[in-house]
mmCIF file of all heavy atoms, coordinates in Angstrom:
data_MODEL
# 
_entry.id   MODEL 
# 
loop_
_atom_site.group_PDB 
_atom_site.id 
_atom_site.type_symbol 
_atom_site.label_atom_id 
_atom_site.label_alt_id 
_atom_site.label_comp_id 
_atom_site.label_asym_id 
_atom_site.label_entity_id 
_atom_site.label_seq_id 
_atom_site.pdbx_PDB_ins_code 
_atom_site.Cartn_x 
_atom_site.Cartn_y 
_atom_site.Cartn_z 
_atom_site.occupancy 
_atom_site.B_iso_or_equiv 
_atom_site.pdbx_formal_charge 
_atom_site.auth_seq_id 
_atom_site.auth_comp_id 
_atom_site.auth_asym_id 
_atom_site.auth_atom_id 
_atom_site.pdbx_PDB_model_num 
ATOM 1   N N   . ALA A 1 1  ? -4.333 2.344   15.540  1.00 0.00 ? 1  ALA A N   1 
ATOM 2   C CA  . ALA A 1 1  ? -3.841 1.000   15.841  1.00 0.00 ? 1  ALA A CA  1 
ATOM 3   C C   . ALA A 1 1  ? -2.650 0.758   14.934  1.00 0.00 ? 1  ALA A C   1 
ATOM 4   O O   . ALA A 1 1  ? -2.481 1.436   13.892  1.00 0.00 ? 1  ALA A O   1 
ATOM 5   C CB  . ALA A 1 1  ? -4.885 -0.054  15.651  1.00 0.00 ? 1  ALA A CB  1 
ATOM 6   N N   . ASP A 1 2  ? -1.821 -0.242  15.268  1.00 0.00 ? 2  ASP A N   1 
ATOM 7   C CA  . ASP A 1 2  ? -0.722 -0.619  14.408  1.00 0.00 ? 2  ASP A CA  1 
ATOM 8   C C   . ASP A 1 2  ? -1.240 -1.194  13.075  1.00 0.00 ? 2  ASP A C   1 
ATOM 9   O O   . ASP A 1 2  ? -2.237 -1.926  13.064  1.00 0.00 ? 2  ASP A O   1 
ATOM 10  C CB  . ASP A 1 2  ? 0.177  -1.680  15.058  1.00 0.00 ? 2  ASP A CB  1 
ATOM 11  C CG  . ASP A 1 2  ? 0.922  -1.146  16.268  1.00 0.00 ? 2  ASP A CG  1 
ATOM 12  O OD1 . ASP A 1 2  ? 1.147  0.075   16.313  1.00 0.00 ? 2  ASP A OD1 1 
ATOM 13  O OD2 . ASP A 1 2  ? 1.262  -1.934  17.156  1.00 0.00 ? 2  ASP A OD2 1 
ATOM 14  N N   . TRP A 1 3  ? -0.618 -0.822  11.980  1.00 0.00 ? 3  TRP A N   1 
ATOM 15  C CA  . TRP A 1 3  ? -1.009 -1.303  10.673  1.00 0.00 ? 3  TRP A CA  1 
ATOM 16  C C   . TRP A 1 3  ? 0.082  -2.267  10.181  1.00 0.00 ? 3  TRP A C   1 
ATOM 17  O O   . TRP A 1 3  ? 1.190  -1.831  9.851   1.00 0.00 ? 3  TRP A O   1 
ATOM 18  C CB  . TRP A 1 3  ? -1.198 -0.125  9.704   1.00 0.00 ? 3  TRP A CB  1 
ATOM 19  C CG  . TRP A 1 3  ? -1.675 -0.533  8.322   1.00 0.00 ? 3  TRP A CG  1 
ATOM 20  C CD1 . TRP A 1 3  ? -2.105 -1.783  7.941   1.00 0.00 ? 3  TRP A CD1 1 
ATOM 21  C CD2 . TRP A 1 3  ? -1.890 0.309   7.217   1.00 0.00 ? 3  TRP A CD2 1 
ATOM 22  N NE1 . TRP A 1 3  ? -2.511 -1.764  6.621   1.00 0.00 ? 3  TRP A NE1 1 
ATOM 23  C CE2 . TRP A 1 3  ? -2.388 -0.471  6.158   1.00 0.00 ? 3  TRP A CE2 1 
ATOM 24  C CE3 . TRP A 1 3  ? -1.665 1.655   7.003   1.00 0.00 ? 3  TRP A CE3 1 
ATOM 25  C CZ2 . TRP A 1 3  ? -2.654 0.049   4.886   1.00 0.00 ? 3  TRP A CZ2 1 
ATOM 26  C CZ3 . TRP A 1 3  ? -1.953 2.188   5.748   1.00 0.00 ? 3  TRP A CZ3 1 
ATOM 27  C CH2 . TRP A 1 3  ? -2.433 1.386   4.706   1.00 0.00 ? 3  TRP A CH2 1 
ATOM 28  N N   . GLU A 1 4  ? -0.217 -3.536  10.136  1.00 0.00 ? 4  GLU A N   1 
ATOM 29  C CA  . GLU A 1 4  ? 0.725  -4.550  9.692   1.00 0.00 ? 4  GLU A CA  1 
ATOM 30  C C   . GLU A 1 4  ? 0.252  -5.165  8.398   1.00 0.00 ? 4  GLU A C   1 
ATOM 31  O O   . GLU A 1 4  ? -0.936 -5.268  8.159   1.00 0.00 ? 4  GLU A O   1 
ATOM 32  C CB  . GLU A 1 4  ? 0.881  -5.626  10.747  1.00 0.00 ? 4  GLU A CB  1 
ATOM 33  C CG  . GLU A 1 4  ? 1.457  -5.070  12.088  1.00 0.00 ? 4  GLU A CG  1 
ATOM 34  C CD  . GLU A 1 4  ? 1.754  -6.169  13.063  1.00 0.00 ? 4  GLU A CD  1 
ATOM 35  O OE1 . GLU A 1 4  ? 1.627  -7.383  12.710  1.00 0.00 ? 4  GLU A OE1 1 
ATOM 36  O OE2 . GLU A 1 4  ? 2.134  -5.869  14.210  1.00 0.00 ? 4  GLU A OE2 1 
ATOM 37  N N   . SER A 1 5  ? 1.237  -5.550  7.563   1.00 0.00 ? 5  SER A N   1 
ATOM 38  C CA  . SER A 1 5  ? 0.878  -6.150  6.285   1.00 0.00 ? 5  SER A CA  1 
ATOM 39  C C   . SER A 1 5  ? 0.071  -7.424  6.541   1.00 0.00 ? 5  SER A C   1 
ATOM 40  O O   . SER A 1 5  ? 0.420  -8.272  7.348   1.00 0.00 ? 5  SER A O   1 
ATOM 41  C CB  . SER A 1 5  ? 2.155  -6.528  5.487   1.00 0.00 ? 5  SER A CB  1 
ATOM 42  O OG  . SER A 1 5  ? 2.979  -7.368  6.295   1.00 0.00 ? 5  SER A OG  1 
ATOM 43  N N   . SER A 1 6  ? -1.047 -7.509  5.862   1.00 0.00 ? 6  SER A N   1 
ATOM 44  C CA  . SER A 1 6  ? -2.029 -8.583  6.122   1.00 0.00 ? 6  SER A CA  1 
ATOM 45  C C   . SER A 1 6  ? -2.080 -9.643  5.081   1.00 0.00 ? 6  SER A C   1 
ATOM 46  O O   . SER A 1 6  ? -2.806 -10.618 5.236   1.00 0.00 ? 6  SER A O   1 
ATOM 47  C CB  . SER A 1 6  ? -3.417 -7.967  6.320   1.00 0.00 ? 6  SER A CB  1 
ATOM 48  O OG  . SER A 1 6  ? -3.788 -7.223  5.146   1.00 0.00 ? 6  SER A OG  1 
ATOM 49  N N   . TYR A 1 7  ? -1.329 -9.491  4.022   1.00 0.00 ? 7  TYR A N   1 
ATOM 50  C CA  . TYR A 1 7  ? -1.332 -10.478 2.918   1.00 0.00 ? 7  TYR A CA  1 
ATOM 51  C C   . TYR A 1 7  ? 0.104  -11.006 2.697   1.00 0.00 ? 7  TYR A C   1 
ATOM 52  O O   . TYR A 1 7  ? 0.674  -10.815 1.680   1.00 0.00 ? 7  TYR A O   1 
ATOM 53  C CB  . TYR A 1 7  ? -1.871 -9.887  1.619   1.00 0.00 ? 7  TYR A CB  1 
ATOM 54  C CG  . TYR A 1 7  ? -3.253 -9.289  1.720   1.00 0.00 ? 7  TYR A CG  1 
ATOM 55  C CD1 . TYR A 1 7  ? -3.448 -7.952  1.930   1.00 0.00 ? 7  TYR A CD1 1 
ATOM 56  C CD2 . TYR A 1 7  ? -4.344 -10.127 1.659   1.00 0.00 ? 7  TYR A CD2 1 
ATOM 57  C CE1 . TYR A 1 7  ? -4.733 -7.420  2.028   1.00 0.00 ? 7  TYR A CE1 1 
ATOM 58  C CE2 . TYR A 1 7  ? -5.627 -9.630  1.777   1.00 0.00 ? 7  TYR A CE2 1 
ATOM 59  C CZ  . TYR A 1 7  ? -5.829 -8.271  1.945   1.00 0.00 ? 7  TYR A CZ  1 
ATOM 60  O OH  . TYR A 1 7  ? -7.088 -7.760  2.077   1.00 0.00 ? 7  TYR A OH  1 
ATOM 61  N N   . GLY A 1 8  ? 0.628  -11.587 3.749   1.00 0.00 ? 8  GLY A N   1 
ATOM 62  C CA  . GLY A 1 8  ? 2.019  -12.038 3.683   1.00 0.00 ? 8  GLY A CA  1 
ATOM 63  C C   . GLY A 1 8  ? 2.955  -10.853 3.860   1.00 0.00 ? 8  GLY A C   1 
ATOM 64  O O   . GLY A 1 8  ? 3.287  -10.467 4.978   1.00 0.00 ? 8  GLY A O   1 
ATOM 65  N N   . THR A 1 9  ? 3.348  -10.234 2.738   1.00 0.00 ? 9  THR A N   1 
ATOM 66  C CA  . THR A 1 9  ? 4.237  -9.055  2.810   1.00 0.00 ? 9  THR A CA  1 
ATOM 67  C C   . THR A 1 9  ? 3.548  -7.834  2.237   1.00 0.00 ? 9  THR A C   1 
ATOM 68  O O   . THR A 1 9  ? 4.218  -6.838  1.967   1.00 0.00 ? 9  THR A O   1 
ATOM 69  C CB  . THR A 1 9  ? 5.561  -9.361  2.061   1.00 0.00 ? 9  THR A CB  1 
ATOM 70  O OG1 . THR A 1 9  ? 5.262  -9.518  0.659   1.00 0.00 ? 9  THR A OG1 1 
ATOM 71  C CG2 . THR A 1 9  ? 6.260  -10.554 2.621   1.00 0.00 ? 9  THR A CG2 1 
ATOM 72  N N   . ARG A 1 10 ? 2.260  -7.903  1.941   1.00 0.00 ? 10 ARG A N   1 
ATOM 73  C CA  . ARG A 1 10 ? 1.544  -6.875  1.245   1.00 0.00 ? 10 ARG A CA  1 
ATOM 74  C C   . ARG A 1 10 ? 0.589  -6.083  2.187   1.00 0.00 ? 10 ARG A C   1 
ATOM 75  O O   . ARG A 1 10 ? -0.012 -6.685  3.040   1.00 0.00 ? 10 ARG A O   1 
ATOM 76  C CB  . ARG A 1 10 ? 0.757  -7.413  0.079   1.00 0.00 ? 10 ARG A CB  1 
ATOM 77  C CG  . ARG A 1 10 ? 1.609  -8.180  -0.901  1.00 0.00 ? 10 ARG A CG  1 
ATOM 78  C CD  . ARG A 1 10 ? 0.753  -8.982  -1.913  1.00 0.00 ? 10 ARG A CD  1 
ATOM 79  N NE  . ARG A 1 10 ? -0.124 -8.151  -2.653  1.00 0.00 ? 10 ARG A NE  1 
ATOM 80  C CZ  . ARG A 1 10 ? -1.495 -8.277  -2.618  1.00 0.00 ? 10 ARG A CZ  1 
ATOM 81  N NH1 . ARG A 1 10 ? -2.051 -9.242  -1.854  1.00 0.00 ? 10 ARG A NH1 1 
ATOM 82  N NH2 . ARG A 1 10 ? -2.266 -7.478  -3.333  1.00 0.00 ? 10 ARG A NH2 1 
ATOM 83  N N   . PHE A 1 11 ? 0.480  -4.804  1.913   1.00 0.00 ? 11 PHE A N   1 
ATOM 84  C CA  . PHE A 1 11 ? -0.456 -3.943  2.672   1.00 0.00 ? 11 PHE A CA  1 
ATOM 85  C C   . PHE A 1 11 ? -1.843 -3.952  2.090   1.00 0.00 ? 11 PHE A C   1 
ATOM 86  O O   . PHE A 1 11 ? -2.875 -3.746  2.698   1.00 0.00 ? 11 PHE A O   1 
ATOM 87  C CB  . PHE A 1 11 ? 0.007  -2.522  2.797   1.00 0.00 ? 11 PHE A CB  1 
ATOM 88  C CG  . PHE A 1 11 ? 1.142  -2.373  3.805   1.00 0.00 ? 11 PHE A CG  1 
ATOM 89  C CD1 . PHE A 1 11 ? 2.435  -2.195  3.330   1.00 0.00 ? 11 PHE A CD1 1 
ATOM 90  C CD2 . PHE A 1 11 ? 0.947  -2.389  5.167   1.00 0.00 ? 11 PHE A CD2 1 
ATOM 91  C CE1 . PHE A 1 11 ? 3.504  -2.085  4.222   1.00 0.00 ? 11 PHE A CE1 1 
ATOM 92  C CE2 . PHE A 1 11 ? 1.989  -2.267  6.050   1.00 0.00 ? 11 PHE A CE2 1 
ATOM 93  C CZ  . PHE A 1 11 ? 3.263  -2.063  5.585   1.00 0.00 ? 11 PHE A CZ  1 
ATOM 94  N N   . GLY A 1 12 ? -1.956 -4.155  0.752   1.00 0.00 ? 12 GLY A N   1 
ATOM 95  C CA  . GLY A 1 12 ? -3.279 -4.149  0.111   1.00 0.00 ? 12 GLY A CA  1 
ATOM 96  C C   . GLY A 1 12 ? -3.126 -4.000  -1.389  1.00 0.00 ? 12 GLY A C   1 
ATOM 97  O O   . GLY A 1 12 ? -2.049 -4.076  -1.949  1.00 0.00 ? 12 GLY A O   1 
ATOM 98  N N   . SER A 1 13 ? -4.283 -3.718  -2.044  1.00 0.00 ? 13 SER A N   1 
ATOM 99  C CA  . SER A 1 13 ? -4.311 -3.526  -3.476  1.00 0.00 ? 13 SER A CA  1 
ATOM 100 C C   . SER A 1 13 ? -5.240 -2.359  -3.807  1.00 0.00 ? 13 SER A C   1 
ATOM 101 O O   . SER A 1 13 ? -6.065 -1.985  -2.997  1.00 0.00 ? 13 SER A O   1 
ATOM 102 C CB  . SER A 1 13 ? -4.773 -4.831  -4.181  1.00 0.00 ? 13 SER A CB  1 
ATOM 103 O OG  . SER A 1 13 ? -6.100 -5.144  -3.775  1.00 0.00 ? 13 SER A OG  1 
ATOM 104 N N   . GLY A 1 14 ? -5.063 -1.792  -4.985  1.00 0.00 ? 14 GLY A N   1 
ATOM 105 C CA  . GLY A 1 14 ? -5.887 -0.686  -5.402  1.00 0.00 ? 14 GLY A CA  1 
ATOM 106 C C   . GLY A 1 14 ? -4.988 0.484   -5.797  1.00 0.00 ? 14 GLY A C   1 
ATOM 107 O O   . GLY A 1 14 ? -3.736 0.373   -5.896  1.00 0.00 ? 14 GLY A O   1 
ATOM 108 N N   . GLU A 1 15 ? -5.627 1.668   -5.979  1.00 0.00 ? 15 GLU A N   1 
ATOM 109 C CA  . GLU A 1 15 ? -4.907 2.851   -6.453  1.00 0.00 ? 15 GLU A CA  1 
ATOM 110 C C   . GLU A 1 15 ? -3.806 3.280   -5.444  1.00 0.00 ? 15 GLU A C   1 
ATOM 111 O O   . GLU A 1 15 ? -2.823 3.861   -5.840  1.00 0.00 ? 15 GLU A O   1 
ATOM 112 C CB  . GLU A 1 15 ? -5.864 3.996   -6.700  1.00 0.00 ? 15 GLU A CB  1 
ATOM 113 C CG  . GLU A 1 15 ? -5.246 5.222   -7.324  1.00 0.00 ? 15 GLU A CG  1 
ATOM 114 C CD  . GLU A 1 15 ? -6.212 6.322   -7.575  1.00 0.00 ? 15 GLU A CD  1 
ATOM 115 O OE1 . GLU A 1 15 ? -7.432 6.123   -7.337  1.00 0.00 ? 15 GLU A OE1 1 
ATOM 116 O OE2 . GLU A 1 15 ? -5.764 7.416   -8.001  1.00 0.00 ? 15 GLU A OE2 1 
ATOM 117 N N   . GLY A 1 16 ? -3.990 2.995   -4.209  1.00 0.00 ? 16 GLY A N   1 
ATOM 118 C CA  . GLY A 1 16 ? -3.042 3.430   -3.172  1.00 0.00 ? 16 GLY A CA  1 
ATOM 119 C C   . GLY A 1 16 ? -1.853 2.547   -2.992  1.00 0.00 ? 16 GLY A C   1 
ATOM 120 O O   . GLY A 1 16 ? -1.078 2.819   -2.073  1.00 0.00 ? 16 GLY A O   1 
ATOM 121 N N   . PHE A 1 17 ? -1.701 1.519   -3.850  1.00 0.00 ? 17 PHE A N   1 
ATOM 122 C CA  . PHE A 1 17 ? -0.623 0.551   -3.631  1.00 0.00 ? 17 PHE A CA  1 
ATOM 123 C C   . PHE A 1 17 ? 0.123  0.300   -4.951  1.00 0.00 ? 17 PHE A C   1 
ATOM 124 O O   . PHE A 1 17 ? -0.422 0.468   -6.055  1.00 0.00 ? 17 PHE A O   1 
ATOM 125 C CB  . PHE A 1 17 ? -1.191 -0.759  -3.092  1.00 0.00 ? 17 PHE A CB  1 
ATOM 126 C CG  . PHE A 1 17 ? -1.951 -0.619  -1.808  1.00 0.00 ? 17 PHE A CG  1 
ATOM 127 C CD1 . PHE A 1 17 ? -3.307 -0.339  -1.831  1.00 0.00 ? 17 PHE A CD1 1 
ATOM 128 C CD2 . PHE A 1 17 ? -1.299 -0.671  -0.590  1.00 0.00 ? 17 PHE A CD2 1 
ATOM 129 C CE1 . PHE A 1 17 ? -4.024 -0.142  -0.645  1.00 0.00 ? 17 PHE A CE1 1 
ATOM 130 C CE2 . PHE A 1 17 ? -2.001 -0.467  0.595   1.00 0.00 ? 17 PHE A CE2 1 
ATOM 131 C CZ  . PHE A 1 17 ? -3.347 -0.225  0.597   1.00 0.00 ? 17 PHE A CZ  1 
ATOM 132 N N   . ILE A 1 18 ? 1.377  -0.065  -4.800  1.00 0.00 ? 18 ILE A N   1 
ATOM 133 C CA  . ILE A 1 18 ? 2.249  -0.275  -5.956  1.00 0.00 ? 18 ILE A CA  1 
ATOM 134 C C   . ILE A 1 18 ? 3.138  -1.454  -5.683  1.00 0.00 ? 18 ILE A C   1 
ATOM 135 O O   . ILE A 1 18 ? 3.368  -1.840  -4.526  1.00 0.00 ? 18 ILE A O   1 
ATOM 136 C CB  . ILE A 1 18 ? 3.076  0.999   -6.249  1.00 0.00 ? 18 ILE A CB  1 
ATOM 137 C CG1 . ILE A 1 18 ? 3.708  0.953   -7.655  1.00 0.00 ? 18 ILE A CG1 1 
ATOM 138 C CG2 . ILE A 1 18 ? 4.124  1.229   -5.177  1.00 0.00 ? 18 ILE A CG2 1 
ATOM 139 C CD1 . ILE A 1 18 ? 4.396  2.259   -8.037  1.00 0.00 ? 18 ILE A CD1 1 
ATOM 140 N N   . TYR A 1 19 ? 3.719  -2.051  -6.725  1.00 0.00 ? 19 TYR A N   1 
ATOM 141 C CA  . TYR A 1 19 ? 4.653  -3.184  -6.570  1.00 0.00 ? 19 TYR A CA  1 
ATOM 142 C C   . TYR A 1 19 ? 4.079  -4.279  -5.675  1.00 0.00 ? 19 TYR A C   1 
ATOM 143 O O   . TYR A 1 19 ? 4.688  -4.693  -4.682  1.00 0.00 ? 19 TYR A O   1 
ATOM 144 C CB  . TYR A 1 19 ? 5.994  -2.691  -6.025  1.00 0.00 ? 19 TYR A CB  1 
ATOM 145 C CG  . TYR A 1 19 ? 6.692  -1.708  -6.903  1.00 0.00 ? 19 TYR A CG  1 
ATOM 146 C CD1 . TYR A 1 19 ? 7.156  -0.502  -6.367  1.00 0.00 ? 19 TYR A CD1 1 
ATOM 147 C CD2 . TYR A 1 19 ? 6.831  -1.892  -8.260  1.00 0.00 ? 19 TYR A CD2 1 
ATOM 148 C CE1 . TYR A 1 19 ? 7.825  0.437   -7.149  1.00 0.00 ? 19 TYR A CE1 1 
ATOM 149 C CE2 . TYR A 1 19 ? 7.482  -0.960  -9.060  1.00 0.00 ? 19 TYR A CE2 1 
ATOM 150 C CZ  . TYR A 1 19 ? 7.939  0.201   -8.500  1.00 0.00 ? 19 TYR A CZ  1 
ATOM 151 O OH  . TYR A 1 19 ? 8.610  1.151   -9.293  1.00 0.00 ? 19 TYR A OH  1 
ATOM 152 N N   . ASP A 1 20 ? 2.860  -4.728  -6.012  1.00 0.00 ? 20 ASP A N   1 
ATOM 153 C CA  . ASP A 1 20 ? 2.267  -5.839  -5.286  1.00 0.00 ? 20 ASP A CA  1 
ATOM 154 C C   . ASP A 1 20 ? 2.129  -5.597  -3.784  1.00 0.00 ? 20 ASP A C   1 
ATOM 155 O O   . ASP A 1 20 ? 2.533  -6.371  -2.969  1.00 0.00 ? 20 ASP A O   1 
ATOM 156 C CB  . ASP A 1 20 ? 3.019  -7.107  -5.587  1.00 0.00 ? 20 ASP A CB  1 
ATOM 157 C CG  . ASP A 1 20 ? 2.290  -8.353  -5.114  1.00 0.00 ? 20 ASP A CG  1 
ATOM 158 O OD1 . ASP A 1 20 ? 1.049  -8.304  -5.122  1.00 0.00 ? 20 ASP A OD1 1 
ATOM 159 O OD2 . ASP A 1 20 ? 2.952  -9.358  -4.730  1.00 0.00 ? 20 ASP A OD2 1 
ATOM 160 N N   . GLY A 1 21 ? 1.604  -4.390  -3.439  1.00 0.00 ? 21 GLY A N   1 
ATOM 161 C CA  . GLY A 1 21 ? 1.242  -4.208  -2.068  1.00 0.00 ? 21 GLY A CA  1 
ATOM 162 C C   . GLY A 1 21 ? 2.016  -3.180  -1.268  1.00 0.00 ? 21 GLY A C   1 
ATOM 163 O O   . GLY A 1 21 ? 1.861  -3.081  -0.059  1.00 0.00 ? 21 GLY A O   1 
ATOM 164 N N   . VAL A 1 22 ? 2.876  -2.373  -1.912  1.00 0.00 ? 22 VAL A N   1 
ATOM 165 C CA  . VAL A 1 22 ? 3.648  -1.344  -1.188  1.00 0.00 ? 22 VAL A CA  1 
ATOM 166 C C   . VAL A 1 22 ? 2.759  -0.071  -1.111  1.00 0.00 ? 22 VAL A C   1 
ATOM 167 O O   . VAL A 1 22 ? 2.121  0.319   -2.093  1.00 0.00 ? 22 VAL A O   1 
ATOM 168 C CB  . VAL A 1 22 ? 4.978  -1.004  -1.914  1.00 0.00 ? 22 VAL A CB  1 
ATOM 169 C CG1 . VAL A 1 22 ? 5.705  0.137   -1.210  1.00 0.00 ? 22 VAL A CG1 1 
ATOM 170 C CG2 . VAL A 1 22 ? 5.821  -2.257  -2.042  1.00 0.00 ? 22 VAL A CG2 1 
ATOM 171 N N   . LEU A 1 23 ? 2.759  0.576   0.075   1.00 0.00 ? 23 LEU A N   1 
ATOM 172 C CA  . LEU A 1 23 ? 2.041  1.843   0.186   1.00 0.00 ? 23 LEU A CA  1 
ATOM 173 C C   . LEU A 1 23 ? 2.607  2.856   -0.796  1.00 0.00 ? 23 LEU A C   1 
ATOM 174 O O   . LEU A 1 23 ? 3.827  3.064   -0.816  1.00 0.00 ? 23 LEU A O   1 
ATOM 175 C CB  . LEU A 1 23 ? 2.178  2.413   1.635   1.00 0.00 ? 23 LEU A CB  1 
ATOM 176 C CG  . LEU A 1 23 ? 1.430  1.623   2.749   1.00 0.00 ? 23 LEU A CG  1 
ATOM 177 C CD1 . LEU A 1 23 ? 1.781  2.242   4.082   1.00 0.00 ? 23 LEU A CD1 1 
ATOM 178 C CD2 . LEU A 1 23 ? -0.059 1.689   2.545   1.00 0.00 ? 23 LEU A CD2 1 
ATOM 179 N N   . ASN A 1 24 ? 1.704  3.516   -1.571  1.00 0.00 ? 24 ASN A N   1 
ATOM 180 C CA  . ASN A 1 24 ? 2.183  4.416   -2.593  1.00 0.00 ? 24 ASN A CA  1 
ATOM 181 C C   . ASN A 1 24 ? 1.557  5.785   -2.438  1.00 0.00 ? 24 ASN A C   1 
ATOM 182 O O   . ASN A 1 24 ? 0.392  5.931   -2.067  1.00 0.00 ? 24 ASN A O   1 
ATOM 183 C CB  . ASN A 1 24 ? 1.743  3.835   -3.996  1.00 0.00 ? 24 ASN A CB  1 
ATOM 184 C CG  . ASN A 1 24 ? 2.317  4.689   -5.135  1.00 0.00 ? 24 ASN A CG  1 
ATOM 185 O OD1 . ASN A 1 24 ? 3.473  5.171   -5.063  1.00 0.00 ? 24 ASN A OD1 1 
ATOM 186 N ND2 . ASN A 1 24 ? 1.526  4.939   -6.135  1.00 0.00 ? 24 ASN A ND2 1 
ATOM 187 N N   . VAL A 1 25 ? 2.405  6.834   -2.653  1.00 0.00 ? 25 VAL A N   1 
ATOM 188 C CA  . VAL A 1 25 ? 1.886  8.205   -2.787  1.00 0.00 ? 25 VAL A CA  1 
ATOM 189 C C   . VAL A 1 25 ? 2.098  8.605   -4.232  1.00 0.00 ? 25 VAL A C   1 
ATOM 190 O O   . VAL A 1 25 ? 3.208  8.905   -4.659  1.00 0.00 ? 25 VAL A O   1 
ATOM 191 C CB  . VAL A 1 25 ? 2.668  9.127   -1.840  1.00 0.00 ? 25 VAL A CB  1 
ATOM 192 C CG1 . VAL A 1 25 ? 2.158  10.563  -1.969  1.00 0.00 ? 25 VAL A CG1 1 
ATOM 193 C CG2 . VAL A 1 25 ? 2.576  8.698   -0.379  1.00 0.00 ? 25 VAL A CG2 1 
ATOM 194 N N   . PRO A 1 26 ? 1.013  8.589   -5.002  1.00 0.00 ? 26 PRO A N   1 
ATOM 195 C CA  . PRO A 1 26 ? 1.120  8.848   -6.444  1.00 0.00 ? 26 PRO A CA  1 
ATOM 196 C C   . PRO A 1 26 ? 1.454  10.311  -6.785  1.00 0.00 ? 26 PRO A C   1 
ATOM 197 O O   . PRO A 1 26 ? 1.328  11.207  -5.965  1.00 0.00 ? 26 PRO A O   1 
ATOM 198 C CB  . PRO A 1 26 ? -0.228 8.469   -7.011  1.00 0.00 ? 26 PRO A CB  1 
ATOM 199 C CG  . PRO A 1 26 ? -0.959 7.771   -5.864  1.00 0.00 ? 26 PRO A CG  1 
ATOM 200 C CD  . PRO A 1 26 ? -0.368 8.270   -4.633  1.00 0.00 ? 26 PRO A CD  1 
ATOM 201 N N   . SER A 1 27 ? 1.831  10.563  -8.005  1.00 0.00 ? 27 SER A N   1 
ATOM 202 C CA  . SER A 1 27 ? 2.080  11.885  -8.491  1.00 0.00 ? 27 SER A CA  1 
ATOM 203 C C   . SER A 1 27 ? 0.831  12.726  -8.375  1.00 0.00 ? 27 SER A C   1 
ATOM 204 O O   . SER A 1 27 ? -0.296 12.235  -8.632  1.00 0.00 ? 27 SER A O   1 
ATOM 205 C CB  . SER A 1 27 ? 2.539  11.838  -9.959  1.00 0.00 ? 27 SER A CB  1 
ATOM 206 O OG  . SER A 1 27 ? 2.764  13.151  -10.469 1.00 0.00 ? 27 SER A OG  1 
ATOM 207 N N   . GLY A 1 28 ? 1.002  13.980  -7.948  1.00 0.00 ? 28 GLY A N   1 
ATOM 208 C CA  . GLY A 1 28 ? -0.140 14.903  -7.833  1.00 0.00 ? 28 GLY A CA  1 
ATOM 209 C C   . GLY A 1 28 ? -0.875 14.766  -6.529  1.00 0.00 ? 28 GLY A C   1 
ATOM 210 O O   . GLY A 1 28 ? -1.857 15.480  -6.302  1.00 0.00 ? 28 GLY A O   1 
ATOM 211 N N   . HIS A 1 29 ? -0.443 13.923  -5.634  1.00 0.00 ? 29 HIS A N   1 
ATOM 212 C CA  . HIS A 1 29 ? -1.125 13.742  -4.339  1.00 0.00 ? 29 HIS A CA  1 
ATOM 213 C C   . HIS A 1 29 ? -0.197 14.184  -3.202  1.00 0.00 ? 29 HIS A C   1 
ATOM 214 O O   . HIS A 1 29 ? 1.043  13.968  -3.239  1.00 0.00 ? 29 HIS A O   1 
ATOM 215 C CB  . HIS A 1 29 ? -1.468 12.264  -4.125  1.00 0.00 ? 29 HIS A CB  1 
ATOM 216 C CG  . HIS A 1 29 ? -2.586 11.822  -5.018  1.00 0.00 ? 29 HIS A CG  1 
ATOM 217 N ND1 . HIS A 1 29 ? -3.881 11.762  -4.603  1.00 0.00 ? 29 HIS A ND1 1 
ATOM 218 C CD2 . HIS A 1 29 ? -2.575 11.416  -6.303  1.00 0.00 ? 29 HIS A CD2 1 
ATOM 219 C CE1 . HIS A 1 29 ? -4.659 11.332  -5.601  1.00 0.00 ? 29 HIS A CE1 1 
ATOM 220 N NE2 . HIS A 1 29 ? -3.880 11.125  -6.652  1.00 0.00 ? 29 HIS A NE2 1 
ATOM 221 N N   . GLU A 1 30 ? -0.778 14.770  -2.202  1.00 0.00 ? 30 GLU A N   1 
ATOM 222 C CA  . GLU A 1 30 ? -0.070 15.131  -0.954  1.00 0.00 ? 30 GLU A CA  1 
ATOM 223 C C   . GLU A 1 30 ? -0.786 14.444  0.198   1.00 0.00 ? 30 GLU A C   1 
ATOM 224 O O   . GLU A 1 30 ? -1.925 14.733  0.507   1.00 0.00 ? 30 GLU A O   1 
ATOM 225 C CB  . GLU A 1 30 ? -0.045 16.647  -0.746  1.00 0.00 ? 30 GLU A CB  1 
ATOM 226 C CG  . GLU A 1 30 ? 0.708  17.028  0.561   1.00 0.00 ? 30 GLU A CG  1 
ATOM 227 C CD  . GLU A 1 30 ? 0.881  18.530  0.733   1.00 0.00 ? 30 GLU A CD  1 
ATOM 228 O OE1 . GLU A 1 30 ? 0.441  19.257  -0.140  1.00 0.00 ? 30 GLU A OE1 1 
ATOM 229 O OE2 . GLU A 1 30 ? 1.453  18.934  1.771   1.00 0.00 ? 30 GLU A OE2 1 
# 
């Protein structure tokens, strides 16, 4: 399904996110 930002302009929070809700691919991960 389409994935749209659900917190205003944010996708979420946690290890997978950076800069207040940007999808992040951290170092060491593929």
